[in-house]
C-alpha cells in the first residue's frame, strides 16, 4: 500500500471524551493557566503528539522537541519565549536539553508566552541533573489523558483505519471492541497488523481477516463459526 503523509493535526479533529476532557479544557485556554507552563501526560499512543501539533497550530505557535530546543541557541529561545510553544516528548535526555528547557521555562515566564510540555511521564519523574530544572518541574501544574473506555477504543480503531486508508464495518468493530485490550497501544498494534495482512493477502479488512489477525495477536484460537 502507498504511504501518504498524514494531514496536519487540527484541534477540531481531536477525539474528545472522558479520557481527556479535563486536559483538553485546560490546554484550550492558555490565558487562564495558573502559570505560563503546563504539562500534559498520558499513556503511550494516547495522542500526545497529535495534541502537541494541534495545539501549536491552534495558537499559531511552534512545535518543538528537546533536541530542537537544544539546537535553537539563545537567540532562538528568545524568539520562542513570547509565542505559544508545544514541546513533544518533552522529557530531556542530556545536559544541553536540560539547559535549553530550563532557559525556555524562565524566558516564557518573563516574556508572556505559553509553554505546553507533553510526555508519557509526570515532569516530577523526569531524569535531570539540573537541580533548578527539577525544582521547576516538580512545581508544574499538569493535566492527564487517561486510559480509553470501549467507546474511545472504537473511535481509535475507526481513526486508525482511516489513517491507513481502510474501512472497518460496524460488524467488525462490534467484534473487535470487546475483545481487544482497553489500551491505546493495543488498538495501534492491531491496526498495524491488520494493514499488513490486507497488503500481504490482497484482501479487504473483513471480519474473518480481522478475527484471524486478532487471534494471531493474542495467541487465541477462537473460531466463531456463526460469524463466518
N, C-alpha and C. Protein backbone atom coordinates (compact mmCIF):
# COMPACT_ATOMS: atom_id res chain seq x y z
N UNK A 1 0.84 -1.20 0.00
CA UNK A 1 0.00 0.00 0.00
C UNK A 1 0.87 1.24 0.00
N UNK A 2 0.38 2.32 -0.63
CA UNK A 2 1.15 3.55 -0.70
C UNK A 2 1.12 4.26 0.65
N UNK A 3 2.25 4.85 1.03
CA UNK A 3 2.31 5.61 2.27
C UNK A 3 2.16 7.09 1.98
N UNK A 4 1.00 7.64 2.27
CA UNK A 4 0.76 9.06 2.06
C UNK A 4 0.98 9.81 3.36
N UNK A 5 1.52 11.03 3.29
CA UNK A 5 1.71 11.80 4.53
C UNK A 5 0.39 12.11 5.18
N UNK A 6 0.32 12.03 6.51
CA UNK A 6 -0.94 12.34 7.19
C UNK A 6 -1.26 13.82 7.08
N UNK A 7 -2.53 14.18 7.12
CA UNK A 7 -2.88 15.60 7.08
C UNK A 7 -2.45 16.29 8.37
N UNK A 8 -2.28 17.61 8.34
CA UNK A 8 -1.88 18.33 9.55
C UNK A 8 -2.89 18.11 10.67
N UNK A 9 -2.38 18.05 11.89
CA UNK A 9 -3.26 17.87 13.05
C UNK A 9 -4.10 19.13 13.25
N UNK A 10 -5.37 18.93 13.55
CA UNK A 10 -6.29 20.05 13.77
C UNK A 10 -6.98 19.88 15.11
N UNK A 11 -7.15 21.00 15.81
CA UNK A 11 -7.77 20.96 17.13
C UNK A 11 -9.18 20.40 17.05
N UNK A 12 -9.94 20.78 16.03
CA UNK A 12 -11.32 20.32 15.95
C UNK A 12 -11.43 18.86 15.52
N UNK A 13 -10.29 18.23 15.23
CA UNK A 13 -10.29 16.82 14.88
C UNK A 13 -9.86 15.93 16.05
N UNK A 14 -9.55 16.55 17.19
CA UNK A 14 -9.15 15.77 18.35
C UNK A 14 -10.31 14.90 18.82
N UNK A 15 -10.00 13.67 19.19
CA UNK A 15 -11.01 12.75 19.71
C UNK A 15 -11.21 13.07 21.19
N UNK A 16 -12.32 13.73 21.50
CA UNK A 16 -12.59 14.15 22.86
C UNK A 16 -13.50 13.15 23.56
N UNK A 17 -13.28 12.97 24.84
CA UNK A 17 -14.10 12.06 25.63
C UNK A 17 -13.73 12.15 27.09
N UNK A 18 -14.30 11.29 27.92
CA UNK A 18 -13.99 11.33 29.35
C UNK A 18 -12.51 11.13 29.66
N UNK A 19 -11.80 10.46 28.75
CA UNK A 19 -10.39 10.18 28.99
C UNK A 19 -9.52 11.42 28.92
N UNK A 20 -9.97 12.46 28.20
CA UNK A 20 -9.11 13.62 28.01
C UNK A 20 -9.83 14.96 28.16
N UNK A 21 -11.08 14.95 28.61
CA UNK A 21 -11.88 16.18 28.64
C UNK A 21 -11.23 17.26 29.49
N UNK A 22 -10.77 16.90 30.68
CA UNK A 22 -10.18 17.91 31.57
C UNK A 22 -8.89 18.46 30.99
N UNK A 23 -8.04 17.59 30.43
CA UNK A 23 -6.77 18.05 29.86
C UNK A 23 -7.01 18.97 28.67
N UNK A 24 -7.96 18.64 27.81
CA UNK A 24 -8.24 19.49 26.65
C UNK A 24 -8.83 20.83 27.07
N UNK A 25 -9.69 20.80 28.08
CA UNK A 25 -10.30 22.05 28.54
C UNK A 25 -9.23 23.01 29.06
N UNK A 26 -8.27 22.49 29.81
CA UNK A 26 -7.18 23.34 30.32
C UNK A 26 -6.30 23.82 29.18
N UNK A 27 -5.90 22.90 28.31
CA UNK A 27 -4.97 23.26 27.23
C UNK A 27 -5.59 24.28 26.28
N UNK A 28 -6.91 24.24 26.11
CA UNK A 28 -7.57 25.13 25.16
C UNK A 28 -7.64 26.57 25.62
N UNK A 29 -7.32 26.83 26.88
CA UNK A 29 -7.46 28.18 27.42
C UNK A 29 -6.17 28.63 28.11
N UNK A 30 -5.09 28.81 27.34
CA UNK A 30 -3.79 29.13 27.96
C UNK A 30 -3.78 30.46 28.71
N UNK A 31 -4.66 31.38 28.36
CA UNK A 31 -4.70 32.64 29.10
C UNK A 31 -5.18 32.44 30.53
N UNK A 32 -5.83 31.33 30.78
CA UNK A 32 -6.35 31.06 32.12
C UNK A 32 -5.43 30.17 32.96
N UNK A 33 -4.28 29.77 32.39
CA UNK A 33 -3.37 28.91 33.15
C UNK A 33 -2.87 29.63 34.40
N UNK A 34 -2.68 28.86 35.46
CA UNK A 34 -2.16 29.44 36.70
C UNK A 34 -0.72 29.91 36.53
N UNK A 35 0.03 29.25 35.66
CA UNK A 35 1.41 29.65 35.34
C UNK A 35 1.56 29.59 33.82
N UNK A 36 2.61 30.18 33.26
CA UNK A 36 2.77 30.15 31.80
C UNK A 36 3.15 28.79 31.24
N UNK A 37 3.41 27.82 32.10
CA UNK A 37 3.85 26.50 31.65
C UNK A 37 2.87 25.44 32.17
N UNK A 38 2.48 24.53 31.29
CA UNK A 38 1.57 23.44 31.63
C UNK A 38 2.12 22.15 31.07
N UNK A 39 1.99 21.07 31.83
CA UNK A 39 2.38 19.75 31.36
C UNK A 39 1.13 18.89 31.16
N UNK A 40 1.13 18.10 30.11
CA UNK A 40 0.08 17.10 29.91
C UNK A 40 0.76 15.75 29.71
N UNK A 41 0.31 14.77 30.45
CA UNK A 41 0.89 13.44 30.38
C UNK A 41 -0.17 12.44 29.91
N UNK A 42 0.30 11.29 29.46
CA UNK A 42 -0.63 10.26 29.02
C UNK A 42 0.10 8.99 28.65
N UNK A 43 -0.65 7.93 28.49
CA UNK A 43 -0.10 6.63 28.16
C UNK A 43 0.44 6.61 26.74
N UNK A 44 1.36 5.68 26.43
CA UNK A 44 1.86 5.57 25.05
C UNK A 44 0.72 5.41 24.05
N UNK A 45 0.86 6.08 22.92
CA UNK A 45 -0.09 6.04 21.81
C UNK A 45 -1.43 6.72 22.13
N UNK A 46 -1.47 7.53 23.20
CA UNK A 46 -2.74 8.16 23.57
C UNK A 46 -3.04 9.41 22.76
N UNK A 47 -2.10 9.85 21.93
CA UNK A 47 -2.35 11.01 21.07
C UNK A 47 -1.64 12.27 21.49
N UNK A 48 -0.59 12.16 22.32
CA UNK A 48 0.11 13.35 22.77
C UNK A 48 0.75 14.12 21.62
N UNK A 49 1.35 13.42 20.67
CA UNK A 49 2.00 14.10 19.55
C UNK A 49 0.98 14.84 18.70
N UNK A 50 -0.18 14.22 18.47
CA UNK A 50 -1.24 14.89 17.71
C UNK A 50 -1.71 16.12 18.48
N UNK A 51 -1.88 15.98 19.79
CA UNK A 51 -2.30 17.11 20.60
C UNK A 51 -1.29 18.25 20.54
N UNK A 52 -0.01 17.92 20.62
CA UNK A 52 1.03 18.94 20.56
C UNK A 52 0.96 19.72 19.24
N UNK A 53 0.83 18.99 18.13
CA UNK A 53 0.77 19.65 16.82
C UNK A 53 -0.50 20.47 16.67
N UNK A 54 -1.63 19.91 17.13
CA UNK A 54 -2.90 20.62 17.02
C UNK A 54 -2.91 21.88 17.87
N UNK A 55 -2.34 21.80 19.07
CA UNK A 55 -2.30 22.97 19.95
C UNK A 55 -1.41 24.06 19.36
N UNK A 56 -0.25 23.68 18.85
CA UNK A 56 0.63 24.67 18.22
C UNK A 56 -0.05 25.32 17.03
N UNK A 57 -0.77 24.55 16.23
CA UNK A 57 -1.48 25.10 15.10
C UNK A 57 -2.61 26.02 15.51
N UNK A 58 -3.32 25.66 16.58
CA UNK A 58 -4.45 26.47 17.04
C UNK A 58 -4.01 27.86 17.45
N UNK A 59 -2.83 27.96 18.04
CA UNK A 59 -2.36 29.24 18.55
C UNK A 59 -1.21 29.83 17.73
N UNK A 60 -1.08 29.36 16.48
CA UNK A 60 -0.03 29.87 15.60
C UNK A 60 1.32 29.82 16.32
N UNK A 61 1.55 28.69 16.98
CA UNK A 61 2.76 28.54 17.78
C UNK A 61 3.81 27.67 17.11
N UNK A 62 4.76 27.23 17.90
CA UNK A 62 5.87 26.42 17.43
C UNK A 62 5.80 25.04 18.06
N UNK A 63 6.08 24.03 17.25
CA UNK A 63 6.15 22.65 17.72
C UNK A 63 7.61 22.25 17.80
N UNK A 64 8.06 21.88 19.00
CA UNK A 64 9.47 21.60 19.23
C UNK A 64 9.63 20.25 19.93
N UNK A 65 10.88 19.81 20.02
CA UNK A 65 11.28 18.67 20.84
C UNK A 65 12.45 19.13 21.69
N UNK A 66 12.84 18.37 22.71
CA UNK A 66 14.04 18.77 23.48
C UNK A 66 15.27 18.93 22.59
N UNK A 67 15.40 18.09 21.57
CA UNK A 67 16.56 18.19 20.67
C UNK A 67 16.55 19.49 19.87
N UNK A 68 15.39 19.86 19.34
CA UNK A 68 15.35 21.11 18.56
C UNK A 68 15.51 22.32 19.46
N UNK A 69 15.04 22.23 20.71
CA UNK A 69 15.29 23.32 21.65
C UNK A 69 16.78 23.48 21.91
N UNK A 70 17.47 22.36 22.10
CA UNK A 70 18.91 22.40 22.40
C UNK A 70 19.70 23.00 21.24
N UNK A 71 19.16 22.86 20.02
CA UNK A 71 19.85 23.39 18.83
C UNK A 71 19.46 24.83 18.52
N UNK A 72 18.46 25.35 19.21
CA UNK A 72 17.94 26.68 18.87
C UNK A 72 18.88 27.80 19.26
N UNK A 73 19.69 27.59 20.31
CA UNK A 73 20.57 28.65 20.78
C UNK A 73 19.79 29.72 21.54
N UNK A 74 20.52 30.62 22.18
CA UNK A 74 19.87 31.64 22.99
C UNK A 74 18.97 32.54 22.15
N UNK A 75 19.42 32.89 20.96
CA UNK A 75 18.61 33.76 20.13
C UNK A 75 17.30 33.08 19.74
N UNK A 76 17.39 31.80 19.39
CA UNK A 76 16.19 31.07 19.02
C UNK A 76 15.23 30.93 20.19
N UNK A 77 15.75 30.69 21.38
CA UNK A 77 14.91 30.58 22.56
C UNK A 77 14.26 31.93 22.89
N UNK A 78 15.01 33.01 22.71
CA UNK A 78 14.44 34.34 22.92
C UNK A 78 13.25 34.59 21.99
N UNK A 79 13.38 34.14 20.74
CA UNK A 79 12.30 34.34 19.77
C UNK A 79 11.08 33.49 20.11
N UNK A 80 11.31 32.35 20.70
CA UNK A 80 10.20 31.47 21.07
C UNK A 80 9.47 31.95 22.31
N UNK A 81 10.16 32.68 23.16
CA UNK A 81 9.67 32.94 24.52
C UNK A 81 8.35 33.71 24.56
N UNK A 82 8.07 34.53 23.54
CA UNK A 82 6.83 35.30 23.55
C UNK A 82 5.71 34.60 22.79
N UNK A 83 5.99 33.39 22.30
CA UNK A 83 5.00 32.66 21.50
C UNK A 83 4.36 31.53 22.32
N UNK A 84 3.46 30.82 21.69
CA UNK A 84 2.94 29.57 22.24
C UNK A 84 3.81 28.44 21.69
N UNK A 85 4.41 27.69 22.58
CA UNK A 85 5.35 26.63 22.19
C UNK A 85 4.90 25.31 22.80
N UNK A 86 4.77 24.29 21.96
CA UNK A 86 4.48 22.93 22.43
C UNK A 86 5.75 22.10 22.26
N UNK A 87 6.16 21.43 23.32
CA UNK A 87 7.34 20.56 23.26
C UNK A 87 6.86 19.13 23.40
N UNK A 88 6.96 18.39 22.30
CA UNK A 88 6.52 17.00 22.29
C UNK A 88 7.62 16.11 22.86
N UNK A 89 7.20 15.04 23.55
CA UNK A 89 8.16 14.11 24.17
C UNK A 89 9.18 14.92 24.97
N UNK A 90 8.66 15.74 25.87
CA UNK A 90 9.45 16.83 26.46
C UNK A 90 10.49 16.40 27.48
N UNK A 91 10.46 15.17 27.92
CA UNK A 91 11.42 14.67 28.91
C UNK A 91 12.84 14.79 28.34
N UNK A 92 13.68 15.68 28.86
CA UNK A 92 15.01 15.87 28.28
C UNK A 92 15.94 14.70 28.57
N UNK A 93 16.97 14.54 27.76
CA UNK A 93 17.86 13.38 27.91
C UNK A 93 19.33 13.75 27.89
N UNK A 94 19.66 14.94 28.35
CA UNK A 94 21.06 15.33 28.39
C UNK A 94 21.22 16.74 28.92
N UNK A 95 22.46 17.11 29.22
CA UNK A 95 22.73 18.40 29.84
C UNK A 95 22.29 19.56 28.95
N UNK A 96 22.53 19.48 27.64
CA UNK A 96 22.16 20.57 26.74
C UNK A 96 20.64 20.72 26.66
N UNK A 97 19.95 19.59 26.65
CA UNK A 97 18.50 19.66 26.62
C UNK A 97 17.94 20.20 27.94
N UNK A 98 18.55 19.78 29.06
CA UNK A 98 18.17 20.33 30.36
C UNK A 98 18.30 21.84 30.37
N UNK A 99 19.45 22.30 29.91
CA UNK A 99 19.74 23.75 29.92
C UNK A 99 18.77 24.51 29.04
N UNK A 100 18.47 23.97 27.84
CA UNK A 100 17.57 24.66 26.92
C UNK A 100 16.15 24.72 27.49
N UNK A 101 15.70 23.61 28.07
CA UNK A 101 14.34 23.60 28.61
C UNK A 101 14.21 24.54 29.80
N UNK A 102 15.21 24.54 30.68
CA UNK A 102 15.17 25.46 31.82
C UNK A 102 15.19 26.91 31.35
N UNK A 103 16.02 27.20 30.36
CA UNK A 103 16.08 28.57 29.83
C UNK A 103 14.74 28.98 29.24
N UNK A 104 14.10 28.08 28.49
CA UNK A 104 12.82 28.44 27.86
C UNK A 104 11.74 28.64 28.93
N UNK A 105 11.72 27.81 29.95
CA UNK A 105 10.76 27.99 31.04
C UNK A 105 10.93 29.37 31.67
N UNK A 106 12.17 29.75 31.92
CA UNK A 106 12.43 31.06 32.53
C UNK A 106 12.06 32.20 31.58
N UNK A 107 12.41 32.05 30.31
CA UNK A 107 12.15 33.11 29.34
C UNK A 107 10.66 33.28 29.08
N UNK A 108 9.93 32.17 28.97
CA UNK A 108 8.49 32.25 28.76
C UNK A 108 7.82 32.96 29.93
N UNK A 109 8.26 32.64 31.12
CA UNK A 109 7.67 33.28 32.30
C UNK A 109 7.88 34.78 32.29
N UNK A 110 8.99 35.22 31.71
CA UNK A 110 9.31 36.65 31.69
C UNK A 110 8.75 37.37 30.47
N UNK A 111 8.43 36.62 29.40
CA UNK A 111 8.08 37.26 28.14
C UNK A 111 6.62 37.16 27.75
N UNK A 112 5.82 36.47 28.55
CA UNK A 112 4.40 36.42 28.28
C UNK A 112 3.95 35.33 27.32
N UNK A 113 4.84 34.40 26.99
CA UNK A 113 4.45 33.30 26.13
C UNK A 113 3.75 32.19 26.91
N UNK A 114 3.49 31.10 26.25
CA UNK A 114 2.90 29.92 26.88
C UNK A 114 3.67 28.69 26.40
N UNK A 115 3.90 27.77 27.33
CA UNK A 115 4.70 26.58 27.03
C UNK A 115 3.92 25.35 27.46
N UNK A 116 3.65 24.47 26.50
CA UNK A 116 2.95 23.21 26.76
C UNK A 116 3.93 22.06 26.61
N UNK A 117 4.12 21.30 27.68
CA UNK A 117 5.06 20.18 27.70
C UNK A 117 4.27 18.88 27.70
N UNK A 118 4.59 17.98 26.78
CA UNK A 118 3.86 16.73 26.67
C UNK A 118 4.81 15.55 26.84
N UNK A 119 4.40 14.60 27.67
CA UNK A 119 5.29 13.48 27.98
C UNK A 119 4.46 12.31 28.52
N UNK A 120 5.03 11.12 28.41
CA UNK A 120 4.37 9.94 28.98
C UNK A 120 4.58 9.83 30.49
N UNK A 121 5.53 10.57 31.02
CA UNK A 121 5.78 10.54 32.47
C UNK A 121 5.55 11.92 33.06
N UNK A 122 5.13 11.94 34.31
CA UNK A 122 4.95 13.22 35.00
C UNK A 122 6.29 13.95 35.08
N UNK A 123 6.29 15.28 34.94
CA UNK A 123 7.56 16.03 35.00
C UNK A 123 8.37 15.76 36.25
N UNK A 124 7.72 15.50 37.37
CA UNK A 124 8.45 15.21 38.61
C UNK A 124 9.27 13.94 38.50
N UNK A 125 8.99 13.10 37.50
CA UNK A 125 9.71 11.84 37.32
C UNK A 125 10.79 11.93 36.23
N UNK A 126 10.91 13.08 35.59
CA UNK A 126 11.92 13.19 34.54
C UNK A 126 13.31 13.14 35.14
N UNK A 127 14.20 12.51 34.40
CA UNK A 127 15.58 12.42 34.86
C UNK A 127 16.35 13.66 34.39
N UNK A 128 16.83 14.42 35.34
CA UNK A 128 17.62 15.60 35.01
C UNK A 128 18.67 15.81 36.09
N UNK A 129 19.85 16.24 35.64
CA UNK A 129 20.92 16.51 36.58
C UNK A 129 20.87 17.94 37.11
N UNK A 130 19.93 18.74 36.59
CA UNK A 130 19.82 20.14 36.98
C UNK A 130 18.87 20.27 38.16
N UNK A 131 19.38 20.70 39.29
CA UNK A 131 18.53 20.89 40.47
C UNK A 131 17.50 22.00 40.22
N UNK A 132 17.91 23.04 39.50
CA UNK A 132 16.98 24.13 39.20
C UNK A 132 15.82 23.64 38.33
N UNK A 133 16.16 22.86 37.30
CA UNK A 133 15.11 22.35 36.43
C UNK A 133 14.21 21.38 37.18
N UNK A 134 14.77 20.52 37.98
CA UNK A 134 13.98 19.56 38.75
C UNK A 134 12.99 20.30 39.66
N UNK A 135 13.45 21.38 40.28
CA UNK A 135 12.57 22.15 41.14
C UNK A 135 11.41 22.76 40.35
N UNK A 136 11.71 23.30 39.17
CA UNK A 136 10.67 23.87 38.32
C UNK A 136 9.66 22.81 37.88
N UNK A 137 10.18 21.65 37.50
CA UNK A 137 9.31 20.60 37.00
C UNK A 137 8.37 20.08 38.08
N UNK A 138 8.86 19.97 39.29
CA UNK A 138 8.03 19.47 40.39
C UNK A 138 6.87 20.41 40.69
N UNK A 139 7.04 21.68 40.38
CA UNK A 139 6.01 22.67 40.70
C UNK A 139 5.01 22.88 39.57
N UNK A 140 5.20 22.23 38.41
CA UNK A 140 4.35 22.49 37.26
C UNK A 140 2.94 21.95 37.46
N UNK A 141 1.92 22.73 37.12
CA UNK A 141 0.56 22.16 37.04
C UNK A 141 0.49 21.22 35.84
N UNK A 142 -0.38 20.23 35.92
CA UNK A 142 -0.43 19.25 34.84
C UNK A 142 -1.84 18.72 34.64
N UNK A 143 -2.08 18.23 33.44
CA UNK A 143 -3.30 17.51 33.10
C UNK A 143 -2.91 16.12 32.62
N UNK A 144 -3.88 15.23 32.55
CA UNK A 144 -3.58 13.84 32.19
C UNK A 144 -4.63 13.30 31.23
N UNK A 145 -4.16 12.54 30.25
CA UNK A 145 -5.04 11.79 29.38
C UNK A 145 -5.12 10.37 29.93
N UNK A 146 -6.31 9.96 30.30
CA UNK A 146 -6.49 8.66 30.93
C UNK A 146 -6.63 7.54 29.93
N UNK A 147 -6.80 6.31 30.42
CA UNK A 147 -6.96 5.15 29.52
C UNK A 147 -8.29 5.21 28.79
N UNK A 148 -8.41 4.51 27.66
CA UNK A 148 -9.65 4.55 26.89
C UNK A 148 -10.72 3.64 27.48
N UNK A 149 -11.99 4.01 27.27
CA UNK A 149 -13.08 3.08 27.50
C UNK A 149 -13.44 2.46 26.15
N UNK A 150 -14.50 1.65 26.12
CA UNK A 150 -14.82 0.96 24.87
C UNK A 150 -15.23 1.93 23.76
N UNK A 151 -15.91 3.01 24.12
CA UNK A 151 -16.32 3.99 23.12
C UNK A 151 -15.10 4.65 22.48
N UNK A 152 -14.12 5.01 23.31
CA UNK A 152 -12.91 5.63 22.78
C UNK A 152 -12.10 4.63 21.96
N UNK A 153 -12.02 3.39 22.44
CA UNK A 153 -11.31 2.36 21.68
C UNK A 153 -11.93 2.19 20.30
N UNK A 154 -13.24 2.19 20.24
CA UNK A 154 -13.93 2.05 18.96
C UNK A 154 -13.55 3.20 18.02
N UNK A 155 -13.57 4.43 18.54
CA UNK A 155 -13.21 5.58 17.71
C UNK A 155 -11.75 5.52 17.28
N UNK A 156 -10.88 5.04 18.16
CA UNK A 156 -9.46 4.93 17.79
C UNK A 156 -9.28 3.91 16.67
N UNK A 157 -10.05 2.83 16.68
CA UNK A 157 -9.98 1.86 15.59
C UNK A 157 -10.46 2.48 14.28
N UNK A 158 -11.53 3.25 14.35
CA UNK A 158 -12.04 3.91 13.15
C UNK A 158 -11.01 4.88 12.59
N UNK A 159 -10.44 5.71 13.47
CA UNK A 159 -9.44 6.68 13.02
C UNK A 159 -8.18 5.98 12.52
N UNK A 160 -7.78 4.91 13.22
CA UNK A 160 -6.60 4.16 12.78
C UNK A 160 -6.81 3.55 11.41
N UNK A 161 -8.02 3.07 11.13
CA UNK A 161 -8.32 2.54 9.81
C UNK A 161 -8.27 3.64 8.76
N UNK A 162 -8.84 4.80 9.07
CA UNK A 162 -8.83 5.91 8.11
C UNK A 162 -7.42 6.34 7.77
N UNK A 163 -6.53 6.38 8.78
CA UNK A 163 -5.14 6.77 8.51
C UNK A 163 -4.44 5.80 7.58
N UNK A 164 -4.91 4.57 7.57
CA UNK A 164 -4.30 3.53 6.72
C UNK A 164 -5.14 3.28 5.46
N UNK A 165 -6.10 4.17 5.21
CA UNK A 165 -6.96 4.10 4.03
C UNK A 165 -7.72 2.77 3.99
N UNK A 166 -8.21 2.38 5.16
CA UNK A 166 -9.03 1.19 5.30
C UNK A 166 -10.38 1.59 5.88
N UNK A 167 -11.33 0.67 5.82
CA UNK A 167 -12.64 0.90 6.41
C UNK A 167 -13.07 -0.36 7.13
N UNK A 168 -13.42 -0.22 8.41
CA UNK A 168 -13.91 -1.33 9.21
C UNK A 168 -15.43 -1.27 9.27
N UNK A 169 -16.08 -2.36 8.97
CA UNK A 169 -17.54 -2.41 9.02
C UNK A 169 -18.01 -2.37 10.47
N UNK A 170 -19.25 -1.91 10.70
CA UNK A 170 -19.80 -1.96 12.06
C UNK A 170 -19.73 -3.35 12.67
N UNK A 171 -19.95 -4.37 11.87
CA UNK A 171 -19.89 -5.75 12.35
C UNK A 171 -18.49 -6.09 12.85
N UNK A 172 -17.49 -5.65 12.11
CA UNK A 172 -16.11 -5.91 12.52
C UNK A 172 -15.76 -5.16 13.79
N UNK A 173 -16.20 -3.91 13.88
CA UNK A 173 -15.95 -3.13 15.09
C UNK A 173 -16.65 -3.75 16.30
N UNK A 174 -17.87 -4.21 16.11
CA UNK A 174 -18.60 -4.84 17.20
C UNK A 174 -17.89 -6.10 17.69
N UNK A 175 -17.22 -6.78 16.79
CA UNK A 175 -16.47 -7.97 17.17
C UNK A 175 -15.19 -7.60 17.93
N UNK A 176 -14.50 -6.58 17.45
CA UNK A 176 -13.18 -6.25 17.98
C UNK A 176 -13.22 -5.58 19.35
N UNK A 177 -14.12 -4.63 19.53
CA UNK A 177 -14.06 -3.77 20.71
C UNK A 177 -14.10 -4.54 22.03
N UNK A 178 -14.99 -5.51 22.20
CA UNK A 178 -14.99 -6.21 23.49
C UNK A 178 -13.85 -7.22 23.65
N UNK A 179 -13.11 -7.49 22.58
CA UNK A 179 -12.06 -8.49 22.64
C UNK A 179 -10.66 -7.89 22.74
N UNK A 180 -10.48 -6.67 22.27
CA UNK A 180 -9.18 -6.01 22.36
C UNK A 180 -8.94 -5.48 23.77
N UNK A 181 -7.70 -5.48 24.17
CA UNK A 181 -7.34 -4.85 25.44
C UNK A 181 -7.70 -3.36 25.39
N UNK A 182 -8.21 -2.84 26.50
CA UNK A 182 -8.53 -1.41 26.57
C UNK A 182 -7.25 -0.61 26.75
N UNK A 183 -6.53 -0.43 25.65
CA UNK A 183 -5.25 0.27 25.67
C UNK A 183 -5.01 0.87 24.29
N UNK A 184 -4.46 2.07 24.28
CA UNK A 184 -4.16 2.73 23.00
C UNK A 184 -3.18 1.91 22.18
N UNK A 185 -2.16 1.36 22.83
CA UNK A 185 -1.16 0.57 22.12
C UNK A 185 -1.79 -0.65 21.47
N UNK A 186 -2.77 -1.26 22.14
CA UNK A 186 -3.42 -2.44 21.58
C UNK A 186 -4.13 -2.09 20.28
N UNK A 187 -4.82 -0.96 20.27
CA UNK A 187 -5.53 -0.53 19.05
C UNK A 187 -4.56 -0.26 17.91
N UNK A 188 -3.46 0.44 18.20
CA UNK A 188 -2.49 0.76 17.15
C UNK A 188 -1.77 -0.50 16.66
N UNK A 189 -1.43 -1.38 17.58
CA UNK A 189 -0.77 -2.63 17.21
C UNK A 189 -1.68 -3.46 16.31
N UNK A 190 -2.95 -3.55 16.69
CA UNK A 190 -3.88 -4.32 15.88
C UNK A 190 -4.01 -3.72 14.48
N UNK A 191 -4.14 -2.39 14.39
CA UNK A 191 -4.32 -1.78 13.08
C UNK A 191 -3.08 -1.93 12.21
N UNK A 192 -1.90 -1.88 12.80
CA UNK A 192 -0.67 -2.14 12.03
C UNK A 192 -0.70 -3.55 11.45
N UNK A 193 -1.06 -4.51 12.29
CA UNK A 193 -1.10 -5.91 11.84
C UNK A 193 -2.18 -6.13 10.79
N UNK A 194 -3.34 -5.51 10.99
CA UNK A 194 -4.41 -5.67 10.00
C UNK A 194 -4.01 -5.06 8.67
N UNK A 195 -3.40 -3.88 8.71
CA UNK A 195 -2.95 -3.24 7.47
C UNK A 195 -1.95 -4.10 6.73
N UNK A 196 -1.02 -4.70 7.48
CA UNK A 196 -0.04 -5.59 6.85
C UNK A 196 -0.72 -6.81 6.25
N UNK A 197 -1.72 -7.34 6.94
CA UNK A 197 -2.43 -8.51 6.43
C UNK A 197 -3.21 -8.18 5.17
N UNK A 198 -3.82 -7.00 5.13
CA UNK A 198 -4.54 -6.57 3.94
C UNK A 198 -3.60 -6.52 2.74
N UNK A 199 -2.41 -5.97 2.96
CA UNK A 199 -1.43 -5.86 1.88
C UNK A 199 -0.90 -7.23 1.48
N UNK A 200 -0.60 -8.05 2.48
CA UNK A 200 0.01 -9.35 2.22
C UNK A 200 -0.94 -10.29 1.47
N UNK A 201 -2.20 -10.28 1.87
CA UNK A 201 -3.16 -11.22 1.28
C UNK A 201 -4.02 -10.58 0.19
N UNK A 202 -3.83 -9.28 -0.03
CA UNK A 202 -4.61 -8.55 -1.02
C UNK A 202 -6.10 -8.78 -0.79
N UNK A 203 -6.50 -8.57 0.48
CA UNK A 203 -7.88 -8.77 0.89
C UNK A 203 -8.40 -7.52 1.56
N UNK A 204 -9.71 -7.33 1.52
CA UNK A 204 -10.32 -6.24 2.25
C UNK A 204 -10.26 -6.54 3.76
N UNK A 205 -10.33 -5.51 4.61
CA UNK A 205 -10.29 -5.73 6.06
C UNK A 205 -11.62 -6.26 6.59
N UNK A 206 -11.96 -7.47 6.16
CA UNK A 206 -13.24 -8.08 6.51
C UNK A 206 -13.22 -8.62 7.94
N UNK A 207 -14.38 -9.03 8.41
CA UNK A 207 -14.46 -9.63 9.74
C UNK A 207 -13.62 -10.90 9.85
N UNK A 208 -13.67 -11.83 8.89
CA UNK A 208 -12.81 -13.01 9.01
C UNK A 208 -11.32 -12.67 9.09
N UNK A 209 -10.87 -11.68 8.30
CA UNK A 209 -9.47 -11.31 8.35
C UNK A 209 -9.15 -10.63 9.68
N UNK A 210 -10.04 -9.77 10.15
CA UNK A 210 -9.81 -9.12 11.44
C UNK A 210 -9.74 -10.16 12.56
N UNK A 211 -10.62 -11.18 12.51
CA UNK A 211 -10.59 -12.23 13.51
C UNK A 211 -9.27 -12.99 13.47
N UNK A 212 -8.82 -13.30 12.25
CA UNK A 212 -7.55 -14.02 12.10
C UNK A 212 -6.39 -13.22 12.68
N UNK A 213 -6.35 -11.92 12.38
CA UNK A 213 -5.27 -11.07 12.89
C UNK A 213 -5.33 -10.98 14.41
N UNK A 214 -6.51 -10.82 14.96
CA UNK A 214 -6.65 -10.73 16.41
C UNK A 214 -6.24 -12.03 17.09
N UNK A 215 -6.61 -13.16 16.50
CA UNK A 215 -6.22 -14.45 17.07
C UNK A 215 -4.70 -14.61 17.06
N UNK A 216 -4.06 -14.20 15.97
CA UNK A 216 -2.60 -14.27 15.90
C UNK A 216 -1.95 -13.32 16.91
N UNK A 217 -2.56 -12.18 17.11
CA UNK A 217 -2.02 -11.17 18.02
C UNK A 217 -2.14 -11.62 19.48
N UNK A 218 -3.23 -12.30 19.80
CA UNK A 218 -3.48 -12.68 21.20
C UNK A 218 -3.12 -14.12 21.50
N UNK A 219 -2.77 -14.90 20.45
CA UNK A 219 -2.48 -16.30 20.66
C UNK A 219 -3.72 -17.14 20.90
N UNK A 220 -4.87 -16.61 20.48
CA UNK A 220 -6.14 -17.30 20.68
C UNK A 220 -6.46 -18.13 19.45
N UNK A 221 -7.26 -19.17 19.64
CA UNK A 221 -7.74 -19.95 18.50
C UNK A 221 -9.26 -19.86 18.40
N UNK A 222 -9.80 -18.73 18.88
CA UNK A 222 -11.24 -18.53 18.85
C UNK A 222 -11.76 -18.64 17.44
N UNK A 223 -12.85 -19.33 17.28
CA UNK A 223 -13.43 -19.53 15.96
C UNK A 223 -14.94 -19.42 16.08
N UNK A 224 -15.46 -18.23 15.85
CA UNK A 224 -16.89 -18.02 15.93
C UNK A 224 -17.52 -18.37 14.59
N UNK A 225 -17.85 -19.64 14.44
CA UNK A 225 -18.35 -20.11 13.16
C UNK A 225 -19.60 -19.37 12.72
N UNK A 226 -20.40 -18.93 13.70
CA UNK A 226 -21.65 -18.27 13.35
C UNK A 226 -21.41 -16.94 12.67
N UNK A 227 -20.19 -16.39 12.84
CA UNK A 227 -19.92 -15.07 12.26
C UNK A 227 -19.17 -15.18 10.94
N UNK A 228 -18.91 -16.37 10.48
CA UNK A 228 -18.17 -16.52 9.23
C UNK A 228 -19.05 -16.15 8.03
